[in-house]
């Protein structure tokens, strides 16, 4: 296997803890309103440190874009009396995949 074909993650534990704590604090201080920002912040860090087949990933989703979807998804959860929540995680994974590209 050539070195450019390797896949790896080069982020550190302390960085992950720092970004996660910051996201948690922002979410708590804003009563959950900035939760989409916390998600995009942590995903950006995670994907910047992920290399697949020698190509670094890049996350280009925005908190505002996620916030719009977040409102829509929770509206569907409420009007379907929770039934849509079974599809909520799939919708989130689709959104993450849609906003993930190769940086190089």
N, C-alpha and C. Protein backbone atom coordinates (compact mmCIF):
# COMPACT_ATOMS: atom_id res chain seq x y z
N UNK A 1 0.85 -1.18 0.00
CA UNK A 1 0.00 0.00 0.00
C UNK A 1 0.89 1.24 0.00
N UNK A 2 0.58 2.16 -0.87
CA UNK A 2 1.34 3.39 -0.95
C UNK A 2 0.88 4.35 0.14
N UNK A 3 1.75 5.26 0.52
CA UNK A 3 1.41 6.18 1.61
C UNK A 3 0.22 7.07 1.25
N UNK A 4 0.01 7.40 -0.03
CA UNK A 4 -1.11 8.25 -0.39
C UNK A 4 -2.45 7.52 -0.35
N UNK A 5 -2.41 6.19 -0.20
CA UNK A 5 -3.64 5.42 -0.12
C UNK A 5 -4.09 5.16 1.32
N UNK A 6 -3.36 5.67 2.28
CA UNK A 6 -3.68 5.40 3.67
C UNK A 6 -4.83 6.28 4.15
N UNK A 7 -5.59 5.72 5.07
CA UNK A 7 -6.65 6.46 5.75
C UNK A 7 -6.31 6.53 7.22
N UNK A 8 -6.49 7.71 7.80
CA UNK A 8 -6.16 7.87 9.21
C UNK A 8 -6.84 9.11 9.78
N UNK A 9 -6.80 9.19 11.10
CA UNK A 9 -7.32 10.35 11.82
C UNK A 9 -6.18 10.91 12.64
N UNK A 10 -5.89 12.21 12.50
CA UNK A 10 -4.74 12.78 13.19
C UNK A 10 -5.11 13.82 14.25
N UNK A 11 -6.34 13.80 14.72
CA UNK A 11 -6.74 14.71 15.79
C UNK A 11 -6.32 14.15 17.14
N UNK A 12 -6.24 15.01 18.13
CA UNK A 12 -5.83 14.60 19.46
C UNK A 12 -6.97 14.61 20.45
N UNK A 13 -6.78 13.85 21.53
CA UNK A 13 -7.81 13.74 22.56
C UNK A 13 -8.09 15.07 23.23
N UNK A 14 -7.06 15.81 23.58
CA UNK A 14 -7.27 17.09 24.25
C UNK A 14 -8.00 18.09 23.35
N UNK A 15 -7.69 18.06 22.05
CA UNK A 15 -8.41 18.93 21.12
C UNK A 15 -9.89 18.55 21.09
N UNK A 16 -10.16 17.26 21.01
CA UNK A 16 -11.54 16.78 20.96
C UNK A 16 -12.30 17.18 22.23
N UNK A 17 -11.66 17.00 23.37
CA UNK A 17 -12.29 17.38 24.63
C UNK A 17 -12.56 18.89 24.64
N UNK A 18 -11.59 19.68 24.20
CA UNK A 18 -11.75 21.13 24.17
C UNK A 18 -12.90 21.56 23.29
N UNK A 19 -12.96 21.05 22.07
CA UNK A 19 -14.05 21.42 21.16
C UNK A 19 -15.40 20.95 21.69
N UNK A 20 -15.43 19.75 22.28
CA UNK A 20 -16.69 19.23 22.83
C UNK A 20 -17.17 20.04 24.02
N UNK A 21 -16.26 20.40 24.91
CA UNK A 21 -16.63 21.21 26.08
C UNK A 21 -17.12 22.59 25.62
N UNK A 22 -16.42 23.19 24.66
CA UNK A 22 -16.84 24.48 24.14
C UNK A 22 -18.24 24.38 23.53
N UNK A 23 -18.48 23.35 22.73
CA UNK A 23 -19.81 23.16 22.15
C UNK A 23 -20.88 22.96 23.20
N UNK A 24 -20.56 22.20 24.24
CA UNK A 24 -21.50 21.97 25.34
C UNK A 24 -21.82 23.28 26.05
N UNK A 25 -20.79 24.05 26.36
CA UNK A 25 -21.00 25.32 27.06
C UNK A 25 -21.83 26.30 26.23
N UNK A 26 -21.54 26.38 24.94
CA UNK A 26 -22.31 27.27 24.06
C UNK A 26 -23.77 26.82 24.02
N UNK A 27 -23.99 25.52 23.94
CA UNK A 27 -25.35 24.99 23.90
C UNK A 27 -26.09 25.30 25.20
N UNK A 28 -25.45 25.09 26.32
CA UNK A 28 -26.08 25.34 27.62
C UNK A 28 -26.36 26.84 27.81
N UNK A 29 -25.38 27.67 27.50
CA UNK A 29 -25.53 29.12 27.71
C UNK A 29 -26.60 29.74 26.82
N UNK A 30 -26.88 29.12 25.67
CA UNK A 30 -27.90 29.66 24.76
C UNK A 30 -29.20 28.87 24.83
N UNK A 31 -29.32 28.02 25.85
CA UNK A 31 -30.52 27.19 26.04
C UNK A 31 -30.83 26.34 24.81
N UNK A 32 -29.78 25.87 24.14
CA UNK A 32 -29.94 24.96 23.00
C UNK A 32 -30.07 25.63 21.65
N UNK A 33 -30.23 26.94 21.62
CA UNK A 33 -30.42 27.63 20.34
C UNK A 33 -29.19 27.49 19.45
N UNK A 34 -28.02 27.51 20.04
CA UNK A 34 -26.77 27.40 19.25
C UNK A 34 -26.26 25.97 19.14
N UNK A 35 -27.10 24.99 19.42
CA UNK A 35 -26.68 23.60 19.27
C UNK A 35 -26.22 23.27 17.85
N UNK A 36 -26.92 23.75 16.80
CA UNK A 36 -26.42 23.50 15.45
C UNK A 36 -25.01 24.08 15.23
N UNK A 37 -24.70 25.22 15.84
CA UNK A 37 -23.36 25.77 15.72
C UNK A 37 -22.35 24.86 16.39
N UNK A 38 -22.70 24.33 17.55
CA UNK A 38 -21.81 23.41 18.26
C UNK A 38 -21.55 22.16 17.41
N UNK A 39 -22.58 21.65 16.78
CA UNK A 39 -22.42 20.46 15.94
C UNK A 39 -21.49 20.76 14.77
N UNK A 40 -21.72 21.86 14.07
CA UNK A 40 -20.88 22.17 12.91
C UNK A 40 -19.45 22.46 13.32
N UNK A 41 -19.26 23.04 14.48
CA UNK A 41 -17.92 23.32 14.97
C UNK A 41 -17.15 22.01 15.23
N UNK A 42 -17.78 21.06 15.90
CA UNK A 42 -17.13 19.79 16.20
C UNK A 42 -16.93 18.97 14.93
N UNK A 43 -17.92 18.96 14.04
CA UNK A 43 -17.77 18.23 12.78
C UNK A 43 -16.65 18.81 11.93
N UNK A 44 -16.54 20.13 11.90
CA UNK A 44 -15.46 20.76 11.15
C UNK A 44 -14.10 20.30 11.66
N UNK A 45 -13.93 20.28 12.98
CA UNK A 45 -12.66 19.81 13.56
C UNK A 45 -12.42 18.35 13.21
N UNK A 46 -13.45 17.53 13.38
CA UNK A 46 -13.33 16.09 13.13
C UNK A 46 -12.94 15.80 11.68
N UNK A 47 -13.58 16.45 10.74
CA UNK A 47 -13.32 16.17 9.33
C UNK A 47 -12.00 16.77 8.86
N UNK A 48 -11.58 17.89 9.44
CA UNK A 48 -10.27 18.46 9.10
C UNK A 48 -9.13 17.53 9.49
N UNK A 49 -9.38 16.66 10.43
CA UNK A 49 -8.35 15.73 10.91
C UNK A 49 -8.54 14.31 10.38
N UNK A 50 -9.40 14.14 9.39
CA UNK A 50 -9.66 12.83 8.82
C UNK A 50 -9.12 12.77 7.39
N UNK A 51 -8.33 11.73 7.12
CA UNK A 51 -7.77 11.51 5.79
C UNK A 51 -8.27 10.15 5.30
N UNK A 52 -8.85 10.12 4.10
CA UNK A 52 -9.36 8.89 3.49
C UNK A 52 -8.65 8.68 2.17
N UNK A 53 -7.98 7.55 2.03
CA UNK A 53 -7.22 7.22 0.81
C UNK A 53 -6.26 8.35 0.43
N UNK A 54 -5.61 8.92 1.43
CA UNK A 54 -4.63 9.96 1.19
C UNK A 54 -5.21 11.34 0.93
N UNK A 55 -6.52 11.48 1.03
CA UNK A 55 -7.17 12.77 0.78
C UNK A 55 -7.87 13.25 2.04
N UNK A 56 -7.55 14.47 2.44
CA UNK A 56 -8.13 15.04 3.66
C UNK A 56 -9.57 15.47 3.39
N UNK A 57 -10.44 15.21 4.37
CA UNK A 57 -11.83 15.63 4.27
C UNK A 57 -11.98 17.08 4.69
N UNK A 58 -13.06 17.67 4.23
CA UNK A 58 -13.40 19.05 4.57
C UNK A 58 -14.90 19.11 4.79
N UNK A 59 -15.31 19.74 5.86
CA UNK A 59 -16.73 19.93 6.14
C UNK A 59 -17.10 21.36 5.84
N UNK A 60 -18.10 21.57 4.97
CA UNK A 60 -18.47 22.93 4.58
C UNK A 60 -19.90 23.30 4.98
N UNK A 61 -20.48 22.55 5.90
CA UNK A 61 -21.81 22.88 6.39
C UNK A 61 -21.76 24.09 7.32
N UNK A 62 -22.84 24.83 7.37
CA UNK A 62 -22.89 26.01 8.23
C UNK A 62 -23.95 25.83 9.32
N UNK A 63 -23.76 26.55 10.39
CA UNK A 63 -24.73 26.49 11.49
C UNK A 63 -26.09 27.02 11.06
N UNK A 64 -26.09 28.04 10.22
CA UNK A 64 -27.37 28.60 9.75
C UNK A 64 -28.11 27.59 8.88
N UNK A 65 -27.36 26.92 8.00
CA UNK A 65 -27.98 25.88 7.17
C UNK A 65 -28.54 24.74 8.01
N UNK A 66 -27.79 24.33 9.01
CA UNK A 66 -28.27 23.25 9.88
C UNK A 66 -29.44 23.72 10.73
N UNK A 67 -29.40 24.98 11.18
CA UNK A 67 -30.48 25.50 12.01
C UNK A 67 -31.82 25.45 11.26
N UNK A 68 -31.80 25.82 9.98
CA UNK A 68 -33.03 25.74 9.18
C UNK A 68 -33.56 24.33 9.10
N UNK A 69 -32.66 23.39 8.85
CA UNK A 69 -33.08 21.98 8.81
C UNK A 69 -33.53 21.50 10.18
N UNK A 70 -32.84 21.94 11.21
CA UNK A 70 -33.15 21.55 12.58
C UNK A 70 -34.59 21.94 12.93
N UNK A 71 -34.97 23.17 12.59
CA UNK A 71 -36.34 23.64 12.85
C UNK A 71 -37.33 22.78 12.08
N UNK A 72 -37.04 22.53 10.81
CA UNK A 72 -37.93 21.72 9.97
C UNK A 72 -38.06 20.31 10.53
N UNK A 73 -36.94 19.69 10.89
CA UNK A 73 -36.97 18.31 11.39
C UNK A 73 -37.76 18.21 12.69
N UNK A 74 -37.56 19.15 13.61
CA UNK A 74 -38.29 19.09 14.87
C UNK A 74 -39.77 19.41 14.68
N UNK A 75 -40.10 20.22 13.69
CA UNK A 75 -41.51 20.46 13.35
C UNK A 75 -42.16 19.15 12.93
N UNK A 76 -41.46 18.37 12.08
CA UNK A 76 -41.99 17.08 11.66
C UNK A 76 -42.11 16.10 12.82
N UNK A 77 -41.16 16.15 13.74
CA UNK A 77 -41.24 15.28 14.92
C UNK A 77 -42.49 15.63 15.73
N UNK A 78 -42.75 16.90 15.89
CA UNK A 78 -43.90 17.33 16.69
C UNK A 78 -45.22 16.97 16.02
N UNK A 79 -45.35 17.28 14.71
CA UNK A 79 -46.65 17.03 14.06
C UNK A 79 -46.91 15.55 13.81
N UNK A 80 -45.86 14.72 13.83
CA UNK A 80 -46.07 13.27 13.67
C UNK A 80 -46.06 12.55 15.01
N UNK A 81 -46.13 13.33 16.08
CA UNK A 81 -46.14 12.79 17.45
C UNK A 81 -44.93 11.89 17.71
N UNK A 82 -43.79 12.30 17.18
CA UNK A 82 -42.55 11.59 17.45
C UNK A 82 -42.15 10.54 16.43
N UNK A 83 -43.04 10.21 15.52
CA UNK A 83 -42.73 9.15 14.54
C UNK A 83 -41.55 9.55 13.65
N UNK A 84 -41.47 10.82 13.27
CA UNK A 84 -40.37 11.27 12.40
C UNK A 84 -39.01 11.15 13.08
N UNK A 85 -38.99 11.06 14.40
CA UNK A 85 -37.71 10.96 15.10
C UNK A 85 -36.92 9.73 14.67
N UNK A 86 -37.60 8.69 14.17
CA UNK A 86 -36.90 7.51 13.67
C UNK A 86 -36.07 7.85 12.43
N UNK A 87 -36.50 8.86 11.67
CA UNK A 87 -35.79 9.28 10.46
C UNK A 87 -34.85 10.45 10.72
N UNK A 88 -34.92 11.03 11.88
CA UNK A 88 -34.13 12.22 12.20
C UNK A 88 -32.63 11.96 12.09
N UNK A 89 -32.14 10.87 12.62
CA UNK A 89 -30.71 10.58 12.56
C UNK A 89 -30.26 10.33 11.11
N UNK A 90 -31.12 9.71 10.32
CA UNK A 90 -30.80 9.49 8.90
C UNK A 90 -30.73 10.83 8.18
N UNK A 91 -31.67 11.72 8.48
CA UNK A 91 -31.66 13.05 7.86
C UNK A 91 -30.37 13.79 8.22
N UNK A 92 -29.94 13.65 9.46
CA UNK A 92 -28.71 14.31 9.90
C UNK A 92 -27.50 13.72 9.18
N UNK A 93 -27.44 12.41 9.03
CA UNK A 93 -26.32 11.78 8.32
C UNK A 93 -26.29 12.20 6.86
N UNK A 94 -27.45 12.32 6.24
CA UNK A 94 -27.52 12.79 4.85
C UNK A 94 -27.01 14.23 4.75
N UNK A 95 -27.38 15.07 5.72
CA UNK A 95 -26.93 16.45 5.71
C UNK A 95 -25.41 16.52 5.87
N UNK A 96 -24.86 15.72 6.77
CA UNK A 96 -23.41 15.71 6.97
C UNK A 96 -22.70 15.24 5.70
N UNK A 97 -23.20 14.19 5.05
CA UNK A 97 -22.57 13.68 3.83
C UNK A 97 -22.66 14.71 2.71
N UNK A 98 -23.77 15.42 2.62
CA UNK A 98 -23.95 16.44 1.58
C UNK A 98 -22.94 17.56 1.73
N UNK A 99 -22.50 17.83 2.94
CA UNK A 99 -21.60 18.94 3.20
C UNK A 99 -20.17 18.50 3.49
N UNK A 100 -19.82 17.32 3.04
CA UNK A 100 -18.46 16.81 3.23
C UNK A 100 -17.82 16.61 1.86
N UNK A 101 -16.64 17.18 1.70
CA UNK A 101 -15.91 17.06 0.45
C UNK A 101 -14.45 16.73 0.76
N UNK A 102 -13.66 16.55 -0.28
CA UNK A 102 -12.24 16.40 -0.11
C UNK A 102 -11.59 17.77 -0.19
N UNK A 103 -10.66 18.04 0.72
CA UNK A 103 -9.99 19.33 0.74
C UNK A 103 -8.93 19.41 -0.34
N UNK A 104 -8.35 18.29 -0.71
CA UNK A 104 -7.27 18.30 -1.71
C UNK A 104 -7.58 17.37 -2.85
